[in-house]
PDB file of N, CA and C in Angstrom:
ATOM      1  N   MET A   1      74.789  -9.033-221.034  1.00  0.00           N
ATOM      2  CA  MET A   1      75.632  -9.820-222.133  1.00  0.00           C
ATOM      3  C   MET A   1      74.810  -9.807-223.266  1.00  0.00           C
ATOM      4  N   GLU A   2      73.650 -10.448-223.306  1.00  0.00           N
ATOM      5  CA  GLU A   2      72.556 -10.234-224.646  1.00  0.00           C
ATOM      6  C   GLU A   2      72.612  -9.144-225.338  1.00  0.00           C
ATOM      7  N   ARG A   3      72.069  -8.221-224.544  1.00  0.00           N
ATOM      8  CA  ARG A   3      72.300  -6.983-224.974  1.00  0.00           C
ATOM      9  C   ARG A   3      73.603  -6.281-225.804  1.00  0.00           C
ATOM     10  N   VAL A   4      74.694  -6.698-225.738  1.00  0.00           N
ATOM     11  CA  VAL A   4      75.725  -6.298-226.415  1.00  0.00           C
ATOM     12  C   VAL A   4      76.093  -7.112-227.381  1.00  0.00           C
ATOM     13  N   PHE A   5      75.517  -8.489-227.241  1.00  0.00           N
ATOM     14  CA  PHE A   5      76.100  -9.244-228.615  1.00  0.00           C
ATOM     15  C   PHE A   5      74.773  -8.943-229.261  1.00  0.00           C
ATOM     16  N   SER A   6      73.396  -8.791-229.359  1.00  0.00           N
ATOM     17  CA  SER A   6      72.680  -8.319-230.416  1.00  0.00           C
ATOM     18  C   SER A   6      72.571  -6.967-230.726  1.00  0.00           C
ATOM     19  N   ARG A   7      73.744  -6.311-230.258  1.00  0.00           N
ATOM     20  CA  ARG A   7      74.076  -4.810-230.867  1.00  0.00           C
ATOM     21  C   ARG A   7      75.451  -5.126-232.212  1.00  0.00           C
ATOM     22  N   LEU A   8      76.198  -6.380-231.903  1.00  0.00           N
ATOM     23  CA  LEU A   8      77.312  -6.462-232.915  1.00  0.00           C
ATOM     24  C   LEU A   8      76.597  -7.054-234.224  1.00  0.00           C
ATOM     25  N   PRO A   9      77.202  -6.478-235.149  1.00  0.00           N
ATOM     26  CA  PRO A   9      77.261  -6.678-236.486  1.00  0.00           C
ATOM     27  C   PRO A   9      77.836  -8.237-236.624  1.00  0.00           C
ATOM     28  N   GLU A  10      77.071  -8.926-237.471  1.00  0.00           N
ATOM     29  CA  GLU A  10      77.424 -10.648-237.777  1.00  0.00           C
ATOM     30  C   GLU A  10      78.949 -11.075-238.400  1.00  0.00           C
ATOM     31  N   ASP A  11      79.500  -9.715-239.448  1.00  0.00           N
ATOM     32  CA  ASP A  11      80.895  -9.641-239.718  1.00  0.00           C
ATOM     33  C   ASP A  11      81.845  -9.578-238.898  1.00  0.00           C
ATOM     34  N   TRP A  12      81.474  -9.208-237.637  1.00  0.00           N
ATOM     35  CA  TRP A  12      83.089  -8.730-236.422  1.00  0.00           C
ATOM     36  C   TRP A  12      83.292 -10.138-235.752  1.00  0.00           C
ATOM     37  N   THR A  13      84.308 -10.097-235.814  1.00  0.00           N
ATOM     38  CA  THR A  13      85.470 -11.337-234.817  1.00  0.00           C
ATOM     39  C   THR A  13      85.274 -11.089-233.400  1.00  0.00           C
ATOM     40  N   VAL A  14      84.594 -11.902-232.834  1.00  0.00           N
ATOM     41  CA  VAL A  14      84.963 -11.880-231.106  1.00  0.00           C
ATOM     42  C   VAL A  14      85.472 -13.075-230.629  1.00  0.00           C
ATOM     43  N   LYS A  15      86.373 -12.820-229.964  1.00  0.00           N
ATOM     44  CA  LYS A  15      87.015 -13.976-228.923  1.00  0.00           C
ATOM     45  C   LYS A  15      87.072 -13.285-228.016  1.00  0.00           C
ATOM     46  N   MET A  16      86.719 -14.299-227.149  1.00  0.00           N
ATOM     47  CA  MET A  16      86.636 -14.161-225.323  1.00  0.00           C
ATOM     48  C   MET A  16      87.339 -15.239-224.744  1.00  0.00           C
ATOM     49  N   GLU A  17      88.332 -14.840-223.447  1.00  0.00           N
ATOM     50  CA  GLU A  17      89.019 -16.218-223.107  1.00  0.00           C
ATOM     51  C   GLU A  17      89.454 -15.425-222.023  1.00  0.00           C
ATOM     52  N   ARG A  18      89.571 -16.556-220.869  1.00  0.00           N
ATOM     53  CA  ARG A  18      89.741 -16.220-219.474  1.00  0.00           C
ATOM     54  C   ARG A  18      90.869 -17.573-218.982  1.00  0.00           C
ATOM     55  N   GLN A  19      92.058 -17.489-218.626  1.00  0.00           N
ATOM     56  CA  GLN A  19      92.931 -18.323-218.236  1.00  0.00           C
ATOM     57  C   GLN A  19      92.834 -18.594-216.280  1.00  0.00           C
ATOM     58  N   GLN A  20      92.445 -19.759-216.011  1.00  0.00           N
ATOM     59  CA  GLN A  20      92.288 -19.881-214.542  1.00  0.00           C
ATOM     60  C   GLN A  20      92.550 -18.921-213.608  1.00  0.00           C
ATOM     61  N   GLY A  21      91.797 -18.380-212.908  1.00  0.00           N
ATOM     62  CA  GLY A  21      92.762 -17.352-211.840  1.00  0.00           C
ATOM     63  C   GLY A  21      92.774 -16.000-212.554  1.00  0.00           C
ATOM     64  N   GLU A  22      92.721 -15.633-213.305  1.00  0.00           N
ATOM     65  CA  GLU A  22      92.980 -14.580-214.279  1.00  0.00           C
ATOM     66  C   GLU A  22      91.495 -13.712-214.724  1.00  0.00           C
ATOM     67  N   LYS A  23      91.791 -12.555-215.201  1.00  0.00           N
ATOM     68  CA  LYS A  23      90.505 -11.984-215.720  1.00  0.00           C
ATOM     69  C   LYS A  23      90.036 -12.078-216.951  1.00  0.00           C
ATOM     70  N   TRP A  24      89.246 -11.970-217.695  1.00  0.00           N
ATOM     71  CA  TRP A  24      88.394 -12.085-218.910  1.00  0.00           C
ATOM     72  C   TRP A  24      89.238 -10.872-219.826  1.00  0.00           C
ATOM     73  N   SER A  25      89.232 -11.590-220.878  1.00  0.00           N
ATOM     74  CA  SER A  25      90.072 -10.709-222.221  1.00  0.00           C
ATOM     75  C   SER A  25      89.232 -11.077-223.451  1.00  0.00           C
ATOM     76  N   VAL A  26      88.866  -9.641-223.942  1.00  0.00           N
ATOM     77  CA  VAL A  26      87.884  -9.965-224.985  1.00  0.00           C
ATOM     78  C   VAL A  26      88.645  -9.590-226.457  1.00  0.00           C
ATOM     79  N   LEU A  27      89.033  -9.478-227.350  1.00  0.00           N
ATOM     80  CA  LEU A  27      89.214  -8.968-228.390  1.00  0.00           C
ATOM     81  C   LEU A  27      88.016  -8.974-229.743  1.00  0.00           C
ATOM     82  N   MET A  28      87.410  -8.093-230.342  1.00  0.00           N
ATOM     83  CA  MET A  28      87.008  -7.927-231.232  1.00  0.00           C
ATOM     84  C   MET A  28      87.534  -7.415-232.219  1.00  0.00           C
ATOM     85  N   GLU A  29      87.542  -7.344-233.655  1.00  0.00           N
ATOM     86  CA  GLU A  29      87.612  -7.079-235.229  1.00  0.00           C
ATOM     87  C   GLU A  29      86.954  -6.790-236.173  1.00  0.00           C
ATOM     88  N   ARG A  30      86.747  -5.656-236.335  1.00  0.00           N
ATOM     89  CA  ARG A  30      85.674  -5.266-237.379  1.00  0.00           C
ATOM     90  C   ARG A  30      86.444  -5.533-238.871  1.00  0.00           C
ATOM     91  N   PRO A  31      85.264  -5.906-239.807  1.00  0.00           N
ATOM     92  CA  PRO A  31      85.904  -6.087-241.122  1.00  0.00           C
ATOM     93  C   PRO A  31      86.788  -4.908-241.462  1.00  0.00           C
ATOM     94  N   ASP A  32      86.859  -4.563-241.497  1.00  0.00           N
ATOM     95  CA  ASP A  32      87.837  -3.172-241.888  1.00  0.00           C
ATOM     96  C   ASP A  32      89.169  -3.094-241.593  1.00  0.00           C
ATOM     97  N   GLY A  33      89.160  -4.380-240.744  1.00  0.00           N
ATOM     98  CA  GLY A  33      90.501  -5.083-239.998  1.00  0.00           C
ATOM     99  C   GLY A  33      91.137  -4.330-238.569  1.00  0.00           C
ATOM    100  N   MET A  34      89.954  -3.285-238.113  1.00  0.00           N
ATOM    101  CA  MET A  34      90.744  -2.197-236.904  1.00  0.00           C
ATOM    102  C   MET A  34      89.994  -3.085-235.679  1.00  0.00           C
ATOM    103  N   LEU A  35      90.970  -3.810-234.844  1.00  0.00           N
ATOM    104  CA  LEU A  35      90.709  -4.287-233.889  1.00  0.00           C
ATOM    105  C   LEU A  35      91.109  -3.879-232.622  1.00  0.00           C
ATOM    106  N   HIS A  36      90.485  -4.110-231.116  1.00  0.00           N
ATOM    107  CA  HIS A  36      90.855  -3.642-230.138  1.00  0.00           C
ATOM    108  C   HIS A  36      90.442  -4.969-229.124  1.00  0.00           C
ATOM    109  N   GLN A  37      91.341  -4.926-227.928  1.00  0.00           N
ATOM    110  CA  GLN A  37      91.273  -6.274-227.052  1.00  0.00           C
ATOM    111  C   GLN A  37      91.367  -5.095-225.762  1.00  0.00           C
ATOM    112  N   GLU A  38      90.743  -5.364-224.770  1.00  0.00           N
ATOM    113  CA  GLU A  38      90.194  -5.540-223.191  1.00  0.00           C
ATOM    114  C   GLU A  38      90.307  -6.340-222.192  1.00  0.00           C
ATOM    115  N   THR A  39      90.608  -6.481-220.708  1.00  0.00           N
ATOM    116  CA  THR A  39      90.572  -6.967-220.074  1.00  0.00           C
ATOM    117  C   THR A  39      90.187  -6.699-218.376  1.00  0.00           C
ATOM    118  N   ALA A  40      89.469  -7.639-218.069  1.00  0.00           N
ATOM    119  CA  ALA A  40      88.519  -6.480-216.912  1.00  0.00           C
ATOM    120  C   ALA A  40      88.024  -7.883-216.203  1.00  0.00           C
ATOM    121  N   ASP A  41      87.455  -7.616-215.122  1.00  0.00           N
ATOM    122  CA  ASP A  41      87.042  -8.657-213.914  1.00  0.00           C
ATOM    123  C   ASP A  41      85.983  -9.343-214.382  1.00  0.00           C
ATOM    124  N   SER A  42      84.763  -8.670-215.321  1.00  0.00           N
ATOM    125  CA  SER A  42      84.051  -9.351-215.775  1.00  0.00           C
ATOM    126  C   SER A  42      83.337  -9.344-217.176  1.00  0.00           C
ATOM    127  N   LEU A  43      83.166 -10.664-217.964  1.00  0.00           N
ATOM    128  CA  LEU A  43      83.105 -10.965-218.812  1.00  0.00           C
ATOM    129  C   LEU A  43      82.013  -9.470-219.996  1.00  0.00           C
ATOM    130  N   ILE A  44      80.774  -9.523-219.038  1.00  0.00           N
ATOM    131  CA  ILE A  44      80.452  -8.276-219.805  1.00  0.00           C
ATOM    132  C   ILE A  44      80.787  -6.868-219.865  1.00  0.00           C
ATOM    133  N   GLU A  45      81.945  -6.298-218.496  1.00  0.00           N
ATOM    134  CA  GLU A  45      82.606  -5.108-218.691  1.00  0.00           C
ATOM    135  C   GLU A  45      83.644  -5.603-219.637  1.00  0.00           C
ATOM    136  N   ALA A  46      84.380  -6.742-219.910  1.00  0.00           N
ATOM    137  CA  ALA A  46      85.287  -6.416-221.342  1.00  0.00           C
ATOM    138  C   ALA A  46      84.706  -6.411-222.228  1.00  0.00           C
ATOM    139  N   LEU A  47      83.614  -7.074-222.578  1.00  0.00           N
ATOM    140  CA  LEU A  47      82.827  -6.843-223.850  1.00  0.00           C
ATOM    141  C   LEU A  47      82.182  -5.670-224.023  1.00  0.00           C
ATOM    142  N   GLU A  48      81.608  -4.690-223.078  1.00  0.00           N
ATOM    143  CA  GLU A  48      81.487  -3.423-222.802  1.00  0.00           C
ATOM    144  C   GLU A  48      82.191  -2.255-223.479  1.00  0.00           C
ATOM    145  N   GLU A  49      83.574  -2.795-222.789  1.00  0.00           N
ATOM    146  CA  GLU A  49      84.678  -1.606-223.043  1.00  0.00           C
ATOM    147  C   GLU A  49      85.146  -1.855-224.539  1.00  0.00           C
ATOM    148  N   VAL A  50      85.429  -3.205-225.241  1.00  0.00           N
ATOM    149  CA  VAL A  50      85.455  -3.361-226.609  1.00  0.00           C
ATOM    150  C   VAL A  50      84.394  -2.594-227.512  1.00  0.00           C
ATOM    151  N   TRP A  51      83.437  -3.350-226.950  1.00  0.00           N
ATOM    152  CA  TRP A  51      82.428  -2.451-228.182  1.00  0.00           C
ATOM    153  C   TRP A  51      82.142  -0.571-228.091  1.00  0.00           C
ATOM    154  N   ARG A  52      82.500  -0.149-227.286  1.00  0.00           N
ATOM    155  CA  ARG A  52      82.640   1.396-227.098  1.00  0.00           C
ATOM    156  C   ARG A  52      83.841   1.830-227.914  1.00  0.00           C
ATOM    157  N   ALA A  53      85.124   1.335-227.704  1.00  0.00           N
ATOM    158  CA  ALA A  53      86.313   1.272-228.278  1.00  0.00           C
ATOM    159  C   ALA A  53      85.991   1.624-230.189  1.00  0.00           C
ATOM    160  N   LEU A  54      85.404   0.390-230.271  1.00  0.00           N
ATOM    161  CA  LEU A  54      85.244   0.148-231.904  1.00  0.00           C
ATOM    162  C   LEU A  54      83.874   0.847-232.365  1.00  0.00           C
ATOM    163  N   ARG A  55      82.661   0.950-232.012  1.00  0.00           N
ATOM    164  CA  ARG A  55      81.957   1.320-232.454  1.00  0.00           C
ATOM    165  C   ARG A  55      81.956   2.941-233.475  1.00  0.00           C
TER     166      ARG A  55
END
């Protein structure tokens, strides 16, 4: 997870959440307004998928 966070630009928005018994949901938004959301069993998996989609 540290590897993914170290690559994120400081001006990107990142929201992570998980409801009890649910999968992790991660939403990222770039400063240009482009955003993407992924849901996965693990937080790192969701973070990596969103990062790949937006970079």
